[in-house]
Amino acid sequence: MKTNLPNREVTFAVLDGHLVRTTTGSDGRTYTQRCSRSIYEAVAHAVDETPMEGQGTSGQEIARREGVPFTQANIAYEFMKERGVLLVRCKRGYPASVTAFEDAMVEFLALAGAQSD
């Protein structure tokens, strides 16, 4: 049984207040995962509290520290990376600005608003 999706395409949406990540492989298989808004906000606060210099953080560390499911924390973390809220250097995440929480919420709400038009 194949478990990875080579040449995958990842898209994000906001549905029913949840951040939804859909992954589609080149073979047409898809899977969808959700992150609740409350967990998204917890991850955004954790990113905001991460020093812009130093050791940085990871999705796994945030999930453990915040006591949230790793899959949901990872969805939020990856979305923030894609949207430039979170910068990655040497496999460690750093906030892109001193207003990372606000930036993360703008991206979440902009995506939600774009879909309601």
PDB file of N, CA and C in Angstrom:
ATOM      1  N   MET A   1       0.846  -1.185   0.000  1.00  0.00           N
ATOM      2  CA  MET A   1       0.000   0.000   0.000  1.00  0.00           C
ATOM      3  C   MET A   1       0.884   1.238   0.000  1.00  0.00           C
ATOM      4  N   LYS A   2       0.655   2.140  -0.940  1.00  0.00           N
ATOM      5  CA  LYS A   2       1.379   3.397  -0.992  1.00  0.00           C
ATOM      6  C   LYS A   2       0.847   4.338   0.081  1.00  0.00           C
ATOM      7  N   THR A   3       1.782   4.991   0.790  1.00  0.00           N
ATOM      8  CA  THR A   3       1.333   5.903   1.829  1.00  0.00           C
ATOM      9  C   THR A   3       1.704   7.351   1.558  1.00  0.00           C
ATOM     10  N   ASN A   4       2.630   7.609   0.634  1.00  0.00           N
ATOM     11  CA  ASN A   4       2.982   9.000   0.355  1.00  0.00           C
ATOM     12  C   ASN A   4       2.321   9.472  -0.934  1.00  0.00           C
ATOM     13  N   LEU A   5       2.268  10.771  -1.091  1.00  0.00           N
ATOM     14  CA  LEU A   5       1.673  11.353  -2.289  1.00  0.00           C
ATOM     15  C   LEU A   5       2.764  12.117  -3.029  1.00  0.00           C
ATOM     16  N   PRO A   6       3.376  11.495  -4.031  1.00  0.00           N
ATOM     17  CA  PRO A   6       4.429  12.197  -4.766  1.00  0.00           C
ATOM     18  C   PRO A   6       3.844  13.349  -5.581  1.00  0.00           C
ATOM     19  N   ASN A   7       4.634  14.390  -5.770  1.00  0.00           N
ATOM     20  CA  ASN A   7       4.197  15.560  -6.548  1.00  0.00           C
ATOM     21  C   ASN A   7       2.832  16.059  -6.085  1.00  0.00           C
ATOM     22  N   ARG A   8       2.702  16.225  -4.815  1.00  0.00           N
ATOM     23  CA  ARG A   8       1.409  16.608  -4.244  1.00  0.00           C
ATOM     24  C   ARG A   8       1.137  18.096  -4.371  1.00  0.00           C
ATOM     25  N   GLU A   9      -0.131  18.428  -4.366  1.00  0.00           N
ATOM     26  CA  GLU A   9      -0.591  19.813  -4.369  1.00  0.00           C
ATOM     27  C   GLU A   9      -1.374  20.037  -3.083  1.00  0.00           C
ATOM     28  N   VAL A  10      -1.027  21.085  -2.365  1.00  0.00           N
ATOM     29  CA  VAL A  10      -1.683  21.389  -1.098  1.00  0.00           C
ATOM     30  C   VAL A  10      -2.461  22.686  -1.248  1.00  0.00           C
ATOM     31  N   THR A  11      -3.726  22.663  -0.842  1.00  0.00           N
ATOM     32  CA  THR A  11      -4.551  23.872  -0.857  1.00  0.00           C
ATOM     33  C   THR A  11      -5.169  24.063   0.527  1.00  0.00           C
ATOM     34  N   PHE A  12      -5.461  25.319   0.828  1.00  0.00           N
ATOM     35  CA  PHE A  12      -6.096  25.654   2.099  1.00  0.00           C
ATOM     36  C   PHE A  12      -7.421  26.348   1.837  1.00  0.00           C
ATOM     37  N   ALA A  13      -8.363  26.137   2.756  1.00  0.00           N
ATOM     38  CA  ALA A  13      -9.661  26.803   2.705  1.00  0.00           C
ATOM     39  C   ALA A  13     -10.142  26.988   4.139  1.00  0.00           C
ATOM     40  N   VAL A  14     -11.099  27.868   4.325  1.00  0.00           N
ATOM     41  CA  VAL A  14     -11.764  28.002   5.612  1.00  0.00           C
ATOM     42  C   VAL A  14     -13.205  27.567   5.395  1.00  0.00           C
ATOM     43  N   LEU A  15     -13.590  26.500   6.083  1.00  0.00           N
ATOM     44  CA  LEU A  15     -14.939  25.956   5.976  1.00  0.00           C
ATOM     45  C   LEU A  15     -15.524  25.795   7.373  1.00  0.00           C
ATOM     46  N   ASP A  16     -16.695  26.331   7.593  1.00  0.00           N
ATOM     47  CA  ASP A  16     -17.377  26.233   8.884  1.00  0.00           C
ATOM     48  C   ASP A  16     -16.475  26.646  10.037  1.00  0.00           C
ATOM     49  N   GLY A  17     -15.661  27.682   9.816  1.00  0.00           N
ATOM     50  CA  GLY A  17     -14.794  28.193  10.871  1.00  0.00           C
ATOM     51  C   GLY A  17     -13.526  27.408  11.110  1.00  0.00           C
ATOM     52  N   HIS A  18     -13.275  26.398  10.297  1.00  0.00           N
ATOM     53  CA  HIS A  18     -12.066  25.591  10.424  1.00  0.00           C
ATOM     54  C   HIS A  18     -11.129  25.858   9.245  1.00  0.00           C
ATOM     55  N   LEU A  19      -9.826  25.841   9.518  1.00  0.00           N
ATOM     56  CA  LEU A  19      -8.842  25.880   8.448  1.00  0.00           C
ATOM     57  C   LEU A  19      -8.722  24.459   7.918  1.00  0.00           C
ATOM     58  N   VAL A  20      -8.924  24.294   6.622  1.00  0.00           N
ATOM     59  CA  VAL A  20      -8.935  22.964   6.011  1.00  0.00           C
ATOM     60  C   VAL A  20      -7.778  22.867   5.015  1.00  0.00           C
ATOM     61  N   ARG A  21      -6.980  21.813   5.168  1.00  0.00           N
ATOM     62  CA  ARG A  21      -5.884  21.552   4.232  1.00  0.00           C
ATOM     63  C   ARG A  21      -6.253  20.319   3.416  1.00  0.00           C
ATOM     64  N   THR A  22      -6.239  20.479   2.090  1.00  0.00           N
ATOM     65  CA  THR A  22      -6.507  19.356   1.192  1.00  0.00           C
ATOM     66  C   THR A  22      -5.246  19.075   0.399  1.00  0.00           C
ATOM     67  N   THR A  23      -4.826  17.840   0.413  1.00  0.00           N
ATOM     68  CA  THR A  23      -3.632  17.415  -0.306  1.00  0.00           C
ATOM     69  C   THR A  23      -4.052  16.468  -1.406  1.00  0.00           C
ATOM     70  N   THR A  24      -3.599  16.758  -2.633  1.00  0.00           N
ATOM     71  CA  THR A  24      -3.918  15.940  -3.793  1.00  0.00           C
ATOM     72  C   THR A  24      -2.624  15.442  -4.403  1.00  0.00           C
ATOM     73  N   GLY A  25      -2.520  14.134  -4.585  1.00  0.00           N
ATOM     74  CA  GLY A  25      -1.337  13.545  -5.206  1.00  0.00           C
ATOM     75  C   GLY A  25      -1.473  13.508  -6.717  1.00  0.00           C
ATOM     76  N   SER A  26      -0.358  13.257  -7.391  1.00  0.00           N
ATOM     77  CA  SER A  26      -0.375  13.201  -8.854  1.00  0.00           C
ATOM     78  C   SER A  26      -1.229  12.047  -9.367  1.00  0.00           C
ATOM     79  N   ASP A  27      -1.502  11.079  -8.505  1.00  0.00           N
ATOM     80  CA  ASP A  27      -2.345   9.955  -8.902  1.00  0.00           C
ATOM     81  C   ASP A  27      -3.827  10.213  -8.657  1.00  0.00           C
ATOM     82  N   GLY A  28      -4.159  11.435  -8.188  1.00  0.00           N
ATOM     83  CA  GLY A  28      -5.554  11.800  -7.983  1.00  0.00           C
ATOM     84  C   GLY A  28      -6.085  11.538  -6.589  1.00  0.00           C
ATOM     85  N   ARG A  29      -5.328  10.833  -5.759  1.00  0.00           N
ATOM     86  CA  ARG A  29      -5.790  10.586  -4.385  1.00  0.00           C
ATOM     87  C   ARG A  29      -5.729  11.879  -3.594  1.00  0.00           C
ATOM     88  N   THR A  30      -6.700  12.079  -2.715  1.00  0.00           N
ATOM     89  CA  THR A  30      -6.720  13.272  -1.878  1.00  0.00           C
ATOM     90  C   THR A  30      -6.979  12.888  -0.432  1.00  0.00           C
ATOM     91  N   TYR A  31      -6.555  13.764   0.452  1.00  0.00           N
ATOM     92  CA  TYR A  31      -6.992  13.665   1.843  1.00  0.00           C
ATOM     93  C   TYR A  31      -7.133  15.062   2.396  1.00  0.00           C
ATOM     94  N   THR A  32      -8.020  15.190   3.364  1.00  0.00           N
ATOM     95  CA  THR A  32      -8.363  16.481   3.927  1.00  0.00           C
ATOM     96  C   THR A  32      -8.220  16.417   5.441  1.00  0.00           C
ATOM     97  N   GLN A  33      -7.646  17.487   6.006  1.00  0.00           N
ATOM     98  CA  GLN A  33      -7.488  17.585   7.456  1.00  0.00           C
ATOM     99  C   GLN A  33      -7.964  18.961   7.891  1.00  0.00           C
ATOM    100  N   ARG A  34      -8.440  19.055   9.138  1.00  0.00           N
ATOM    101  CA  ARG A  34      -9.002  20.311   9.649  1.00  0.00           C
ATOM    102  C   ARG A  34      -8.273  20.774  10.900  1.00  0.00           C
ATOM    103  N   CYS A  35      -8.285  22.089  11.079  1.00  0.00           N
ATOM    104  CA  CYS A  35      -7.764  22.729  12.286  1.00  0.00           C
ATOM    105  C   CYS A  35      -8.822  23.707  12.772  1.00  0.00           C
ATOM    106  N   SER A  36      -9.246  23.563  14.012  1.00  0.00           N
ATOM    107  CA  SER A  36     -10.261  24.474  14.539  1.00  0.00           C
ATOM    108  C   SER A  36      -9.679  25.877  14.701  1.00  0.00           C
ATOM    109  N   ARG A  37     -10.543  26.853  14.703  1.00  0.00           N
ATOM    110  CA  ARG A  37     -10.080  28.230  14.839  1.00  0.00           C
ATOM    111  C   ARG A  37      -9.391  28.444  16.181  1.00  0.00           C
ATOM    112  N   SER A  38      -9.885  27.826  17.251  1.00  0.00           N
ATOM    113  CA  SER A  38      -9.261  28.018  18.568  1.00  0.00           C
ATOM    114  C   SER A  38      -7.833  27.477  18.589  1.00  0.00           C
ATOM    115  N   ILE A  39      -7.606  26.352  17.941  1.00  0.00           N
ATOM    116  CA  ILE A  39      -6.248  25.814  17.880  1.00  0.00           C
ATOM    117  C   ILE A  39      -5.393  26.670  16.954  1.00  0.00           C
ATOM    118  N   TYR A  40      -5.964  27.139  15.854  1.00  0.00           N
ATOM    119  CA  TYR A  40      -5.230  28.043  14.969  1.00  0.00           C
ATOM    120  C   TYR A  40      -4.765  29.268  15.755  1.00  0.00           C
ATOM    121  N   GLU A  41      -5.645  29.843  16.550  1.00  0.00           N
ATOM    122  CA  GLU A  41      -5.286  31.019  17.339  1.00  0.00           C
ATOM    123  C   GLU A  41      -4.213  30.692  18.372  1.00  0.00           C
ATOM    124  N   ALA A  42      -4.292  29.507  18.992  1.00  0.00           N
ATOM    125  CA  ALA A  42      -3.264  29.105  19.961  1.00  0.00           C
ATOM    126  C   ALA A  42      -1.897  28.993  19.289  1.00  0.00           C
ATOM    127  N   VAL A  43      -1.863  28.423  18.086  1.00  0.00           N
ATOM    128  CA  VAL A  43      -0.609  28.304  17.339  1.00  0.00           C
ATOM    129  C   VAL A  43      -0.110  29.695  16.944  1.00  0.00           C
ATOM    130  N   ALA A  44      -1.014  30.568  16.526  1.00  0.00           N
ATOM    131  CA  ALA A  44      -0.626  31.934  16.149  1.00  0.00           C
ATOM    132  C   ALA A  44      -0.023  32.679  17.341  1.00  0.00           C
ATOM    133  N   HIS A  45      -0.602  32.503  18.534  1.00  0.00           N
ATOM    134  CA  HIS A  45      -0.034  33.128  19.733  1.00  0.00           C
ATOM    135  C   HIS A  45       1.350  32.551  20.026  1.00  0.00           C
ATOM    136  N   ALA A  46       1.500  31.242  19.886  1.00  0.00           N
ATOM    137  CA  ALA A  46       2.800  30.602  20.139  1.00  0.00           C
ATOM    138  C   ALA A  46       3.859  31.106  19.168  1.00  0.00           C
ATOM    139  N   VAL A  47       3.494  31.272  17.905  1.00  0.00           N
ATOM    140  CA  VAL A  47       4.425  31.815  16.916  1.00  0.00           C
ATOM    141  C   VAL A  47       4.778  33.246  17.291  1.00  0.00           C
ATOM    142  N   ASP A  48       3.781  34.031  17.685  1.00  0.00           N
ATOM    143  CA  ASP A  48       3.996  35.425  18.060  1.00  0.00           C
ATOM    144  C   ASP A  48       4.947  35.543  19.251  1.00  0.00           C
ATOM    145  N   GLU A  49       4.894  34.589  20.170  1.00  0.00           N
ATOM    146  CA  GLU A  49       5.732  34.615  21.366  1.00  0.00           C
ATOM    147  C   GLU A  49       7.138  34.066  21.124  1.00  0.00           C
ATOM    148  N   THR A  50       7.372  33.499  19.956  1.00  0.00           N
ATOM    149  CA  THR A  50       8.693  32.962  19.630  1.00  0.00           C
ATOM    150  C   THR A  50       9.636  34.124  19.316  1.00  0.00           C
ATOM    151  N   PRO A  51      10.803  34.162  19.962  1.00  0.00           N
ATOM    152  CA  PRO A  51      11.760  35.238  19.647  1.00  0.00           C
ATOM    153  C   PRO A  51      12.170  35.197  18.172  1.00  0.00           C
ATOM    154  N   MET A  52      12.370  36.372  17.601  1.00  0.00           N
ATOM    155  CA  MET A  52      12.745  36.454  16.190  1.00  0.00           C
ATOM    156  C   MET A  52      14.180  35.986  15.967  1.00  0.00           C
ATOM    157  N   GLU A  53      14.954  35.904  17.002  1.00  0.00           N
ATOM    158  CA  GLU A  53      16.309  35.361  16.955  1.00  0.00           C
ATOM    159  C   GLU A  53      16.392  34.245  17.991  1.00  0.00           C
ATOM    160  N   GLY A  54      17.356  33.379  17.846  1.00  0.00           N
ATOM    161  CA  GLY A  54      17.510  32.297  18.808  1.00  0.00           C
ATOM    162  C   GLY A  54      17.227  30.962  18.165  1.00  0.00           C
ATOM    163  N   GLN A  55      16.581  30.075  18.926  1.00  0.00           N
ATOM    164  CA  GLN A  55      16.381  28.700  18.470  1.00  0.00           C
ATOM    165  C   GLN A  55      15.159  28.492  17.602  1.00  0.00           C
ATOM    166  N   GLY A  56      14.234  29.427  17.580  1.00  0.00           N
ATOM    167  CA  GLY A  56      13.023  29.236  16.787  1.00  0.00           C
ATOM    168  C   GLY A  56      12.132  28.169  17.391  1.00  0.00           C
ATOM    169  N   THR A  57      11.224  27.657  16.585  1.00  0.00           N
ATOM    170  CA  THR A  57      10.287  26.651  17.069  1.00  0.00           C
ATOM    171  C   THR A  57       9.911  25.711  15.931  1.00  0.00           C
ATOM    172  N   SER A  58       9.078  24.730  16.232  1.00  0.00           N
ATOM    173  CA  SER A  58       8.565  23.811  15.216  1.00  0.00           C
ATOM    174  C   SER A  58       7.101  23.532  15.535  1.00  0.00           C
ATOM    175  N   GLY A  59       6.394  22.976  14.569  1.00  0.00           N
ATOM    176  CA  GLY A  59       5.000  22.620  14.788  1.00  0.00           C
ATOM    177  C   GLY A  59       4.842  21.605  15.904  1.00  0.00           C
ATOM    178  N   GLN A  60       5.760  20.668  15.975  1.00  0.00           N
ATOM    179  CA  GLN A  60       5.707  19.641  17.011  1.00  0.00           C
ATOM    180  C   GLN A  60       5.901  20.251  18.405  1.00  0.00           C
ATOM    181  N   GLU A  61       6.846  21.179  18.525  1.00  0.00           N
ATOM    182  CA  GLU A  61       7.073  21.843  19.813  1.00  0.00           C
ATOM    183  C   GLU A  61       5.853  22.653  20.233  1.00  0.00           C
ATOM    184  N   ILE A  62       5.254  23.350  19.279  1.00  0.00           N
ATOM    185  CA  ILE A  62       4.067  24.149  19.603  1.00  0.00           C
ATOM    186  C   ILE A  62       2.938  23.237  20.056  1.00  0.00           C
ATOM    187  N   ALA A  63       2.713  22.143  19.366  1.00  0.00           N
ATOM    188  CA  ALA A  63       1.647  21.207  19.749  1.00  0.00           C
ATOM    189  C   ALA A  63       1.857  20.687  21.163  1.00  0.00           C
ATOM    190  N   ARG A  64       3.082  20.321  21.472  1.00  0.00           N
ATOM    191  CA  ARG A  64       3.392  19.793  22.806  1.00  0.00           C
ATOM    192  C   ARG A  64       3.211  20.886  23.871  1.00  0.00           C
ATOM    193  N   ARG A  65       3.753  22.077  23.614  1.00  0.00           N
ATOM    194  CA  ARG A  65       3.700  23.181  24.584  1.00  0.00           C
ATOM    195  C   ARG A  65       2.261  23.651  24.824  1.00  0.00           C
ATOM    196  N   GLU A  66       1.466  23.719  23.754  1.00  0.00           N
ATOM    197  CA  GLU A  66       0.087  24.216  23.870  1.00  0.00           C
ATOM    198  C   GLU A  66      -0.902  23.114  24.245  1.00  0.00           C
ATOM    199  N   GLY A  67      -0.464  21.859  24.197  1.00  0.00           N
ATOM    200  CA  GLY A  67      -1.350  20.741  24.530  1.00  0.00           C
ATOM    201  C   GLY A  67      -2.458  20.539  23.511  1.00  0.00           C
ATOM    202  N   VAL A  68      -2.115  20.712  22.236  1.00  0.00           N
ATOM    203  CA  VAL A  68      -3.092  20.547  21.157  1.00  0.00           C
ATOM    204  C   VAL A  68      -2.657  19.401  20.241  1.00  0.00           C
ATOM    205  N   PRO A  69      -3.579  18.824  19.477  1.00  0.00           N
ATOM    206  CA  PRO A  69      -3.213  17.724  18.568  1.00  0.00           C
ATOM    207  C   PRO A  69      -2.185  18.190  17.533  1.00  0.00           C
ATOM    208  N   PHE A  70      -1.173  17.349  17.306  1.00  0.00           N
ATOM    209  CA  PHE A  70      -0.108  17.714  16.377  1.00  0.00           C
ATOM    210  C   PHE A  70      -0.640  17.990  14.980  1.00  0.00           C
ATOM    211  N   THR A  71      -1.557  17.175  14.487  1.00  0.00           N
ATOM    212  CA  THR A  71      -2.049  17.365  13.123  1.00  0.00           C
ATOM    213  C   THR A  71      -2.658  18.752  12.957  1.00  0.00           C
ATOM    214  N   GLN A  72      -3.464  19.191  13.912  1.00  0.00           N
ATOM    215  CA  GLN A  72      -4.075  20.512  13.804  1.00  0.00           C
ATOM    216  C   GLN A  72      -3.024  21.617  13.915  1.00  0.00           C
ATOM    217  N   ALA A  73      -2.075  21.460  14.832  1.00  0.00           N
ATOM    218  CA  ALA A  73      -1.006  22.457  14.954  1.00  0.00           C
ATOM    219  C   ALA A  73      -0.193  22.515  13.668  1.00  0.00           C
ATOM    220  N   ASN A  74       0.048  21.382  13.048  1.00  0.00           N
ATOM    221  CA  ASN A  74       0.828  21.333  11.812  1.00  0.00           C
ATOM    222  C   ASN A  74       0.103  22.023  10.661  1.00  0.00           C
ATOM    223  N   ILE A  75      -1.206  21.863  10.583  1.00  0.00           N
ATOM    224  CA  ILE A  75      -1.981  22.537   9.540  1.00  0.00           C
ATOM    225  C   ILE A  75      -1.822  24.053   9.689  1.00  0.00           C
ATOM    226  N   ALA A  76      -1.986  24.554  10.904  1.00  0.00           N
ATOM    227  CA  ALA A  76      -1.839  25.993  11.152  1.00  0.00           C
ATOM    228  C   ALA A  76      -0.416  26.446  10.852  1.00  0.00           C
ATOM    229  N   TYR A  77       0.562  25.695  11.300  1.00  0.00           N
ATOM    230  CA  TYR A  77       1.981  26.027  11.114  1.00  0.00           C
ATOM    231  C   TYR A  77       2.322  26.097   9.628  1.00  0.00           C
ATOM    232  N   GLU A  78       1.876  25.110   8.863  1.00  0.00           N
ATOM    233  CA  GLU A  78       2.167  25.081   7.424  1.00  0.00           C
ATOM    234  C   GLU A  78       1.460  26.217   6.684  1.00  0.00           C
ATOM    235  N   PHE A  79       0.241  26.540   7.088  1.00  0.00           N
ATOM    236  CA  PHE A  79      -0.474  27.657   6.484  1.00  0.00           C
ATOM    237  C   PHE A  79       0.269  28.959   6.748  1.00  0.00           C
ATOM    238  N   MET A  80       0.733  29.138   7.970  1.00  0.00           N
ATOM    239  CA  MET A  80       1.467  30.355   8.311  1.00  0.00           C
ATOM    240  C   MET A  80       2.785  30.438   7.548  1.00  0.00           C
ATOM    241  N   LYS A  81       3.414  29.311   7.301  1.00  0.00           N
ATOM    242  CA  LYS A  81       4.623  29.305   6.469  1.00  0.00           C
ATOM    243  C   LYS A  81       4.284  29.733   5.045  1.00  0.00           C
ATOM    244  N   GLU A  82       3.233  29.153   4.496  1.00  0.00           N
ATOM    245  CA  GLU A  82       2.842  29.463   3.118  1.00  0.00           C
ATOM    246  C   GLU A  82       2.509  30.943   2.955  1.00  0.00           C
ATOM    247  N   ARG A  83       1.881  31.535   3.953  1.00  0.00           N
ATOM    248  CA  ARG A  83       1.432  32.925   3.874  1.00  0.00           C
ATOM    249  C   ARG A  83       2.476  33.938   4.328  1.00  0.00           C
ATOM    250  N   GLY A  84       3.676  33.469   4.692  1.00  0.00           N
ATOM    251  CA  GLY A  84       4.752  34.379   5.060  1.00  0.00           C
ATOM    252  C   GLY A  84       4.673  34.935   6.465  1.00  0.00           C
ATOM    253  N   VAL A  85       3.824  34.377   7.293  1.00  0.00           N
ATOM    254  CA  VAL A  85       3.726  34.795   8.693  1.00  0.00           C
ATOM    255  C   VAL A  85       4.889  34.192   9.480  1.00  0.00           C
ATOM    256  N   LEU A  86       5.324  33.043   9.034  1.00  0.00           N
ATOM    257  CA  LEU A  86       6.361  32.264   9.690  1.00  0.00           C
ATOM    258  C   LEU A  86       7.476  32.016   8.690  1.00  0.00           C
ATOM    259  N   LEU A  87       8.698  32.359   9.068  1.00  0.00           N
ATOM    260  CA  LEU A  87       9.853  32.122   8.210  1.00  0.00           C
ATOM    261  C   LEU A  87      10.610  30.915   8.726  1.00  0.00           C
ATOM    262  N   VAL A  88      11.173  30.120   7.822  1.00  0.00           N
ATOM    263  CA  VAL A  88      11.907  28.934   8.224  1.00  0.00           C
ATOM    264  C   VAL A  88      13.368  29.094   7.842  1.00  0.00           C
ATOM    265  N   ARG A  89      14.217  28.916   8.843  1.00  0.00           N
ATOM    266  CA  ARG A  89      15.659  28.907   8.647  1.00  0.00           C
ATOM    267  C   ARG A  89      16.194  27.668   9.346  1.00  0.00           C
ATOM    268  N   CYS A  90      16.931  26.857   8.611  1.00  0.00           N
ATOM    269  CA  CYS A  90      17.527  25.639   9.193  1.00  0.00           C
ATOM    270  C   CYS A  90      16.466  24.777   9.882  1.00  0.00           C
ATOM    271  N   LYS A  91      15.332  24.620   9.238  1.00  0.00           N
ATOM    272  CA  LYS A  91      14.218  23.789   9.707  1.00  0.00           C
ATOM    273  C   LYS A  91      13.570  24.286  10.996  1.00  0.00           C
ATOM    274  N   ARG A  92      13.786  25.540  11.358  1.00  0.00           N
ATOM    275  CA  ARG A  92      13.191  26.130  12.554  1.00  0.00           C
ATOM    276  C   ARG A  92      12.341  27.327  12.151  1.00  0.00           C
ATOM    277  N   GLY A  93      11.188  27.490  12.780  1.00  0.00           N
ATOM    278  CA  GLY A  93      10.274  28.566  12.444  1.00  0.00           C
ATOM    279  C   GLY A  93      10.471  29.795  13.306  1.00  0.00           C
ATOM    280  N   TYR A  94      10.400  30.963  12.659  1.00  0.00           N
ATOM    281  CA  TYR A  94      10.551  32.255  13.317  1.00  0.00           C
ATOM    282  C   TYR A  94       9.448  33.181  12.819  1.00  0.00           C
ATOM    283  N   PRO A  95       8.892  34.025  13.709  1.00  0.00           N
ATOM    284  CA  PRO A  95       7.884  34.977  13.234  1.00  0.00           C
ATOM    285  C   PRO A  95       8.502  35.933  12.221  1.00  0.00           C
ATOM    286  N   ALA A  96       7.756  36.258  11.193  1.00  0.00           N
ATOM    287  CA  ALA A  96       8.245  37.166  10.144  1.00  0.00           C
ATOM    288  C   ALA A  96       8.178  38.623  10.571  1.00  0.00           C
ATOM    289  N   SER A  97       7.379  38.917  11.600  1.00  0.00           N
ATOM    290  CA  SER A  97       7.255  40.298  12.073  1.00  0.00           C
ATOM    291  C   SER A  97       6.941  40.293  13.561  1.00  0.00           C
ATOM    292  N   VAL A  98       6.931  41.462  14.147  1.00  0.00           N
ATOM    293  CA  VAL A  98       6.596  41.586  15.565  1.00  0.00           C
ATOM    294  C   VAL A  98       5.087  41.513  15.793  1.00  0.00           C
ATOM    295  N   THR A  99       4.332  41.439  14.719  1.00  0.00           N
ATOM    296  CA  THR A  99       2.869  41.320  14.815  1.00  0.00           C
ATOM    297  C   THR A  99       2.407  39.998  14.204  1.00  0.00           C
ATOM    298  N   ALA A 100       3.090  38.921  14.538  1.00  0.00           N
ATOM    299  CA  ALA A 100       2.796  37.621  13.917  1.00  0.00           C
ATOM    300  C   ALA A 100       1.367  37.151  14.192  1.00  0.00           C
ATOM    301  N   PHE A 101       0.865  37.356  15.413  1.00  0.00           N
ATOM    302  CA  PHE A 101      -0.507  36.915  15.694  1.00  0.00           C
ATOM    303  C   PHE A 101      -1.491  37.649  14.799  1.00  0.00           C
ATOM    304  N   GLU A 102      -1.356  38.959  14.733  1.00  0.00           N
ATOM    305  CA  GLU A 102      -2.258  39.756  13.901  1.00  0.00           C
ATOM    306  C   GLU A 102      -2.126  39.368  12.430  1.00  0.00           C
ATOM    307  N   ASP A 103      -0.894  39.147  11.976  1.00  0.00           N
ATOM    308  CA  ASP A 103      -0.673  38.731  10.587  1.00  0.00           C
ATOM    309  C   ASP A 103      -1.349  37.387  10.304  1.00  0.00           C
ATOM    310  N   ALA A 104      -1.230  36.459  11.256  1.00  0.00           N
ATOM    311  CA  ALA A 104      -1.848  35.137  11.089  1.00  0.00           C
ATOM    312  C   ALA A 104      -3.365  35.247  11.002  1.00  0.00           C
ATOM    313  N   MET A 105      -3.949  36.109  11.836  1.00  0.00           N
ATOM    314  CA  MET A 105      -5.401  36.271  11.823  1.00  0.00           C
ATOM    315  C   MET A 105      -5.868  36.968  10.553  1.00  0.00           C
ATOM    316  N   VAL A 106      -5.093  37.932  10.063  1.00  0.00           N
ATOM    317  CA  VAL A 106      -5.444  38.591   8.797  1.00  0.00           C
ATOM    318  C   VAL A 106      -5.493  37.552   7.684  1.00  0.00           C
ATOM    319  N   GLU A 107      -4.497  36.662   7.633  1.00  0.00           N
ATOM    320  CA  GLU A 107      -4.464  35.641   6.581  1.00  0.00           C
ATOM    321  C   GLU A 107      -5.641  34.673   6.703  1.00  0.00           C
ATOM    322  N   PHE A 108      -5.964  34.261   7.909  1.00  0.00           N
ATOM    323  CA  PHE A 108      -7.095  33.355   8.136  1.00  0.00           C
ATOM    324  C   PHE A 108      -8.399  34.015   7.693  1.00  0.00           C
ATOM    325  N   LEU A 109      -8.618  35.244   8.146  1.00  0.00           N
ATOM    326  CA  LEU A 109      -9.863  35.939   7.830  1.00  0.00           C
ATOM    327  C   LEU A 109      -9.950  36.330   6.366  1.00  0.00           C
ATOM    328  N   ALA A 110      -8.804  36.662   5.757  1.00  0.00           N
ATOM    329  CA  ALA A 110      -8.802  36.983   4.315  1.00  0.00           C
ATOM    330  C   ALA A 110      -9.187  35.751   3.503  1.00  0.00           C
ATOM    331  N   LEU A 111      -8.673  34.599   3.889  1.00  0.00           N
ATOM    332  CA  LEU A 111      -9.028  33.364   3.183  1.00  0.00           C
ATOM    333  C   LEU A 111     -10.504  33.057   3.369  1.00  0.00           C
ATOM    334  N   ALA A 112     -10.994  33.231   4.567  1.00  0.00           N
ATOM    335  CA  ALA A 112     -12.427  32.987   4.843  1.00  0.00           C
ATOM    336  C   ALA A 112     -13.290  33.948   4.042  1.00  0.00           C
ATOM    337  N   GLY A 113     -12.891  35.222   3.993  1.00  0.00           N
ATOM    338  CA  GLY A 113     -13.652  36.233   3.265  1.00  0.00           C
ATOM    339  C   GLY A 113     -13.612  36.031   1.767  1.00  0.00           C
ATOM    340  N   ALA A 114     -12.485  35.587   1.256  1.00  0.00           N
ATOM    341  CA  ALA A 114     -12.344  35.361  -0.185  1.00  0.00           C
ATOM    342  C   ALA A 114     -13.274  34.258  -0.656  1.00  0.00           C
ATOM    343  N   GLN A 115     -13.563  33.335   0.216  1.00  0.00           N
ATOM    344  CA  GLN A 115     -14.424  32.212  -0.174  1.00  0.00           C
ATOM    345  C   GLN A 115     -15.899  32.541  -0.050  1.00  0.00           C
ATOM    346  N   SER A 116     -16.219  33.608   0.684  1.00  0.00           N
ATOM    347  CA  SER A 116     -17.637  33.948   0.840  1.00  0.00           C
ATOM    348  C   SER A 116     -18.133  34.886  -0.238  1.00  0.00           C
ATOM    349  N   ASP A 117     -17.211  35.392  -1.060  1.00  0.00           N
ATOM    350  CA  ASP A 117     -17.593  36.306  -2.147  1.00  0.00           C
ATOM    351  C   ASP A 117     -18.331  35.594  -3.263  1.00  0.00           C
TER     352      ASP A 117
END
